[in-house]
Amino acid sequence: MPHYFLKLNPRRPTFSQDMTDEERAIMHQHVAYWGDLMNKGFVVVYGPVMDPKAVYGMGVVEVENEEQLNEFIKNDPAATINNYEHYPMRAVVPKK
């Protein structure tokens, strides 16, 4: 199955330091959403990248096709307040 690198871009560079209560609630939903997909075997790794210019989210997913990936992104609560970039990748992962 193909792998993709996802980058969740924050709506502002200071997002991780100054989220509103509403934004924080959405981000908690976001973590639970991707955690569930990880438990189902679609997510290899995900989490925040502590880039000093602006913290952003990243993930590596294994999906059937790009359409499935786009559905995952569309259904992510964080997609309502941030935006995604995604790129196909040639991931090297342990054998299952």
N, C-alpha and C. Protein backbone atom coordinates (compact mmCIF):
# COMPACT_ATOMS: atom_id res chain seq x y z
N MET A 1 0.85 -1.18 0.00
CA MET A 1 0.00 0.00 0.00
C MET A 1 0.89 1.24 0.00
N PRO A 2 0.45 2.29 -0.67
CA PRO A 2 1.26 3.52 -0.74
C PRO A 2 1.35 4.24 0.60
N HIS A 3 2.46 4.93 0.78
CA HIS A 3 2.68 5.77 1.95
C HIS A 3 2.67 7.23 1.53
N TYR A 4 2.23 8.07 2.45
CA TYR A 4 2.23 9.51 2.23
C TYR A 4 2.77 10.21 3.46
N PHE A 5 3.50 11.28 3.22
CA PHE A 5 3.93 12.21 4.28
C PHE A 5 2.89 13.31 4.35
N LEU A 6 2.40 13.60 5.55
CA LEU A 6 1.44 14.69 5.75
C LEU A 6 2.09 15.77 6.60
N LYS A 7 1.81 17.00 6.24
CA LYS A 7 2.26 18.14 7.04
C LYS A 7 1.03 18.99 7.35
N LEU A 8 0.76 19.16 8.64
CA LEU A 8 -0.34 20.00 9.09
C LEU A 8 0.22 21.37 9.42
N ASN A 9 -0.12 22.35 8.60
CA ASN A 9 0.37 23.71 8.77
C ASN A 9 -0.55 24.49 9.69
N PRO A 10 0.01 25.11 10.73
CA PRO A 10 -0.83 25.89 11.64
C PRO A 10 -1.34 27.16 10.97
N ARG A 11 -2.41 27.66 11.51
CA ARG A 11 -3.02 28.88 10.93
C ARG A 11 -2.19 30.13 11.20
N ARG A 12 -1.29 30.06 12.19
CA ARG A 12 -0.37 31.17 12.47
C ARG A 12 0.88 30.57 13.12
N PRO A 13 2.02 31.25 13.00
CA PRO A 13 3.27 30.69 13.53
C PRO A 13 3.25 30.43 15.03
N THR A 14 2.47 31.18 15.77
CA THR A 14 2.43 31.04 17.23
C THR A 14 1.31 30.11 17.72
N PHE A 15 0.68 29.40 16.79
CA PHE A 15 -0.49 28.58 17.12
C PHE A 15 -0.26 27.67 18.32
N SER A 16 0.87 26.98 18.38
CA SER A 16 1.09 26.01 19.47
C SER A 16 1.22 26.70 20.83
N GLN A 17 1.58 27.97 20.85
CA GLN A 17 1.74 28.69 22.12
C GLN A 17 0.48 29.46 22.53
N ASP A 18 -0.35 29.83 21.58
CA ASP A 18 -1.47 30.71 21.95
C ASP A 18 -2.83 30.24 21.43
N MET A 19 -3.02 28.92 21.37
CA MET A 19 -4.33 28.40 20.95
C MET A 19 -5.43 28.93 21.87
N THR A 20 -6.56 29.19 21.27
CA THR A 20 -7.74 29.52 22.07
C THR A 20 -8.27 28.22 22.67
N ASP A 21 -9.19 28.33 23.61
CA ASP A 21 -9.80 27.14 24.19
C ASP A 21 -10.50 26.31 23.11
N GLU A 22 -11.16 26.97 22.18
CA GLU A 22 -11.85 26.27 21.09
C GLU A 22 -10.84 25.53 20.19
N GLU A 23 -9.75 26.21 19.85
CA GLU A 23 -8.71 25.58 19.02
C GLU A 23 -8.09 24.38 19.75
N ARG A 24 -7.84 24.54 21.05
CA ARG A 24 -7.26 23.44 21.83
C ARG A 24 -8.20 22.23 21.85
N ALA A 25 -9.48 22.46 21.99
CA ALA A 25 -10.46 21.36 21.97
C ALA A 25 -10.43 20.64 20.62
N ILE A 26 -10.35 21.41 19.55
CA ILE A 26 -10.28 20.81 18.21
C ILE A 26 -9.00 19.99 18.07
N MET A 27 -7.89 20.50 18.58
CA MET A 27 -6.63 19.77 18.47
C MET A 27 -6.64 18.48 19.31
N HIS A 28 -7.34 18.48 20.42
CA HIS A 28 -7.50 17.24 21.20
C HIS A 28 -8.29 16.22 20.39
N GLN A 29 -9.32 16.68 19.69
CA GLN A 29 -10.10 15.79 18.82
C GLN A 29 -9.21 15.26 17.69
N HIS A 30 -8.36 16.13 17.15
CA HIS A 30 -7.42 15.77 16.09
C HIS A 30 -6.49 14.63 16.54
N VAL A 31 -5.93 14.75 17.73
CA VAL A 31 -5.03 13.72 18.25
C VAL A 31 -5.78 12.39 18.40
N ALA A 32 -6.98 12.44 18.93
CA ALA A 32 -7.77 11.22 19.10
C ALA A 32 -8.13 10.60 17.74
N TYR A 33 -8.45 11.45 16.76
CA TYR A 33 -8.81 10.99 15.42
C TYR A 33 -7.66 10.21 14.79
N TRP A 34 -6.45 10.80 14.78
CA TRP A 34 -5.31 10.11 14.17
C TRP A 34 -4.86 8.93 15.01
N GLY A 35 -5.04 8.99 16.32
CA GLY A 35 -4.73 7.84 17.18
C GLY A 35 -5.61 6.65 16.84
N ASP A 36 -6.88 6.90 16.57
CA ASP A 36 -7.80 5.84 16.16
C ASP A 36 -7.36 5.23 14.83
N LEU A 37 -6.98 6.10 13.87
CA LEU A 37 -6.50 5.59 12.58
C LEU A 37 -5.19 4.82 12.74
N MET A 38 -4.37 5.22 13.71
CA MET A 38 -3.14 4.47 13.98
C MET A 38 -3.50 3.08 14.51
N ASN A 39 -4.43 3.02 15.43
CA ASN A 39 -4.85 1.74 15.99
C ASN A 39 -5.45 0.82 14.93
N LYS A 40 -5.98 1.40 13.87
CA LYS A 40 -6.55 0.62 12.76
C LYS A 40 -5.50 0.25 11.72
N GLY A 41 -4.25 0.69 11.92
CA GLY A 41 -3.15 0.30 11.05
C GLY A 41 -2.86 1.22 9.88
N PHE A 42 -3.48 2.40 9.83
CA PHE A 42 -3.26 3.32 8.72
C PHE A 42 -2.11 4.31 8.96
N VAL A 43 -1.79 4.57 10.21
CA VAL A 43 -0.80 5.59 10.55
C VAL A 43 0.46 4.92 11.08
N VAL A 44 1.59 5.25 10.46
CA VAL A 44 2.88 4.71 10.89
C VAL A 44 3.41 5.52 12.07
N VAL A 45 3.34 6.85 11.96
CA VAL A 45 3.81 7.75 13.00
C VAL A 45 3.13 9.11 12.79
N TYR A 46 2.91 9.84 13.88
CA TYR A 46 2.40 11.21 13.76
C TYR A 46 2.75 11.99 15.02
N GLY A 47 2.75 13.30 14.91
CA GLY A 47 3.00 14.14 16.07
C GLY A 47 3.52 15.50 15.67
N PRO A 48 3.71 16.37 16.67
CA PRO A 48 4.20 17.72 16.38
C PRO A 48 5.71 17.72 16.12
N VAL A 49 6.13 18.58 15.23
CA VAL A 49 7.55 18.81 14.94
C VAL A 49 7.89 20.16 15.55
N MET A 50 8.87 20.17 16.43
CA MET A 50 9.19 21.38 17.20
C MET A 50 10.13 22.30 16.43
N ASP A 51 9.72 22.70 15.25
CA ASP A 51 10.49 23.63 14.42
C ASP A 51 10.48 25.00 15.12
N PRO A 52 11.64 25.60 15.37
CA PRO A 52 11.66 26.89 16.07
C PRO A 52 10.96 28.02 15.31
N LYS A 53 10.81 27.88 13.99
CA LYS A 53 10.10 28.92 13.22
C LYS A 53 8.60 28.83 13.43
N ALA A 54 8.09 27.60 13.55
CA ALA A 54 6.66 27.37 13.81
C ALA A 54 6.47 25.86 13.95
N VAL A 55 5.91 25.46 15.08
CA VAL A 55 5.60 24.05 15.30
C VAL A 55 4.54 23.64 14.27
N TYR A 56 4.72 22.46 13.68
CA TYR A 56 3.73 21.93 12.74
C TYR A 56 3.54 20.44 13.01
N GLY A 57 2.47 19.90 12.48
CA GLY A 57 2.20 18.48 12.64
C GLY A 57 2.70 17.70 11.45
N MET A 58 3.09 16.44 11.70
CA MET A 58 3.49 15.57 10.61
C MET A 58 2.95 14.18 10.87
N GLY A 59 2.79 13.45 9.79
CA GLY A 59 2.39 12.06 9.90
C GLY A 59 2.85 11.30 8.68
N VAL A 60 2.99 10.02 8.85
CA VAL A 60 3.23 9.11 7.74
C VAL A 60 2.10 8.10 7.79
N VAL A 61 1.37 7.99 6.69
CA VAL A 61 0.23 7.09 6.63
C VAL A 61 0.41 6.07 5.51
N GLU A 62 -0.24 4.94 5.70
CA GLU A 62 -0.26 3.87 4.71
C GLU A 62 -1.72 3.66 4.34
N VAL A 63 -2.07 3.95 3.11
CA VAL A 63 -3.47 3.92 2.67
C VAL A 63 -3.61 3.14 1.37
N GLU A 64 -4.85 2.83 1.02
CA GLU A 64 -5.13 2.13 -0.24
C GLU A 64 -4.77 3.00 -1.44
N ASN A 65 -5.12 4.30 -1.34
CA ASN A 65 -4.93 5.21 -2.47
C ASN A 65 -5.07 6.65 -1.97
N GLU A 66 -4.81 7.59 -2.86
CA GLU A 66 -4.86 9.01 -2.47
C GLU A 66 -6.27 9.44 -2.11
N GLU A 67 -7.27 8.82 -2.69
CA GLU A 67 -8.66 9.17 -2.35
C GLU A 67 -8.94 8.86 -0.88
N GLN A 68 -8.44 7.72 -0.40
CA GLN A 68 -8.63 7.38 1.00
C GLN A 68 -7.91 8.39 1.89
N LEU A 69 -6.70 8.77 1.50
CA LEU A 69 -5.97 9.79 2.24
C LEU A 69 -6.75 11.09 2.29
N ASN A 70 -7.29 11.52 1.17
CA ASN A 70 -8.06 12.76 1.13
C ASN A 70 -9.29 12.69 2.04
N GLU A 71 -9.91 11.52 2.14
CA GLU A 71 -11.04 11.35 3.07
C GLU A 71 -10.57 11.49 4.52
N PHE A 72 -9.44 10.88 4.84
CA PHE A 72 -8.90 11.01 6.20
C PHE A 72 -8.64 12.48 6.54
N ILE A 73 -8.04 13.20 5.61
CA ILE A 73 -7.74 14.61 5.85
C ILE A 73 -9.04 15.41 5.99
N LYS A 74 -9.98 15.17 5.10
CA LYS A 74 -11.24 15.91 5.13
C LYS A 74 -11.99 15.71 6.45
N ASN A 75 -11.89 14.52 7.03
CA ASN A 75 -12.61 14.21 8.26
C ASN A 75 -11.85 14.56 9.53
N ASP A 76 -10.65 15.06 9.40
CA ASP A 76 -9.86 15.47 10.56
C ASP A 76 -10.41 16.78 11.12
N PRO A 77 -10.78 16.81 12.41
CA PRO A 77 -11.29 18.05 12.98
C PRO A 77 -10.33 19.24 12.80
N ALA A 78 -9.02 18.99 12.82
CA ALA A 78 -8.04 20.08 12.69
C ALA A 78 -8.03 20.70 11.30
N ALA A 79 -8.56 19.99 10.31
CA ALA A 79 -8.60 20.54 8.95
C ALA A 79 -9.54 21.74 8.85
N THR A 80 -10.37 21.93 9.86
CA THR A 80 -11.27 23.09 9.86
C THR A 80 -10.56 24.38 10.27
N ILE A 81 -9.40 24.24 10.93
CA ILE A 81 -8.70 25.43 11.41
C ILE A 81 -7.27 25.53 10.92
N ASN A 82 -6.75 24.49 10.30
CA ASN A 82 -5.39 24.46 9.76
C ASN A 82 -5.46 23.88 8.36
N ASN A 83 -4.33 23.78 7.68
CA ASN A 83 -4.38 23.17 6.35
C ASN A 83 -3.27 22.14 6.20
N TYR A 84 -3.52 21.21 5.29
CA TYR A 84 -2.60 20.10 5.05
C TYR A 84 -1.86 20.23 3.74
N GLU A 85 -0.65 19.71 3.75
CA GLU A 85 0.09 19.37 2.53
C GLU A 85 0.32 17.86 2.63
N HIS A 86 0.36 17.18 1.51
CA HIS A 86 0.71 15.76 1.54
C HIS A 86 1.46 15.38 0.28
N TYR A 87 2.37 14.42 0.46
CA TYR A 87 3.26 14.02 -0.63
C TYR A 87 3.43 12.50 -0.59
N PRO A 88 3.42 11.87 -1.76
CA PRO A 88 3.74 10.43 -1.78
C PRO A 88 5.19 10.23 -1.35
N MET A 89 5.43 9.09 -0.73
CA MET A 89 6.81 8.81 -0.32
C MET A 89 7.11 7.33 -0.50
N ARG A 90 8.37 7.04 -0.60
CA ARG A 90 8.85 5.65 -0.66
C ARG A 90 9.34 5.29 0.74
N ALA A 91 8.41 4.94 1.59
CA ALA A 91 8.75 4.66 2.98
C ALA A 91 9.42 3.30 3.13
N VAL A 92 10.38 3.26 4.00
CA VAL A 92 11.00 2.01 4.38
C VAL A 92 10.49 1.70 5.79
N VAL A 93 9.73 0.64 5.91
CA VAL A 93 9.11 0.28 7.19
C VAL A 93 9.40 -1.19 7.49
N PRO A 94 9.30 -1.58 8.77
CA PRO A 94 9.53 -2.98 9.10
C PRO A 94 8.51 -3.89 8.41
N LYS A 95 8.90 -5.10 8.13
CA LYS A 95 7.97 -6.08 7.54
C LYS A 95 6.90 -6.40 8.56
N LYS A 96 5.69 -6.60 8.07
CA LYS A 96 4.57 -6.94 8.96
C LYS A 96 4.51 -8.43 9.17
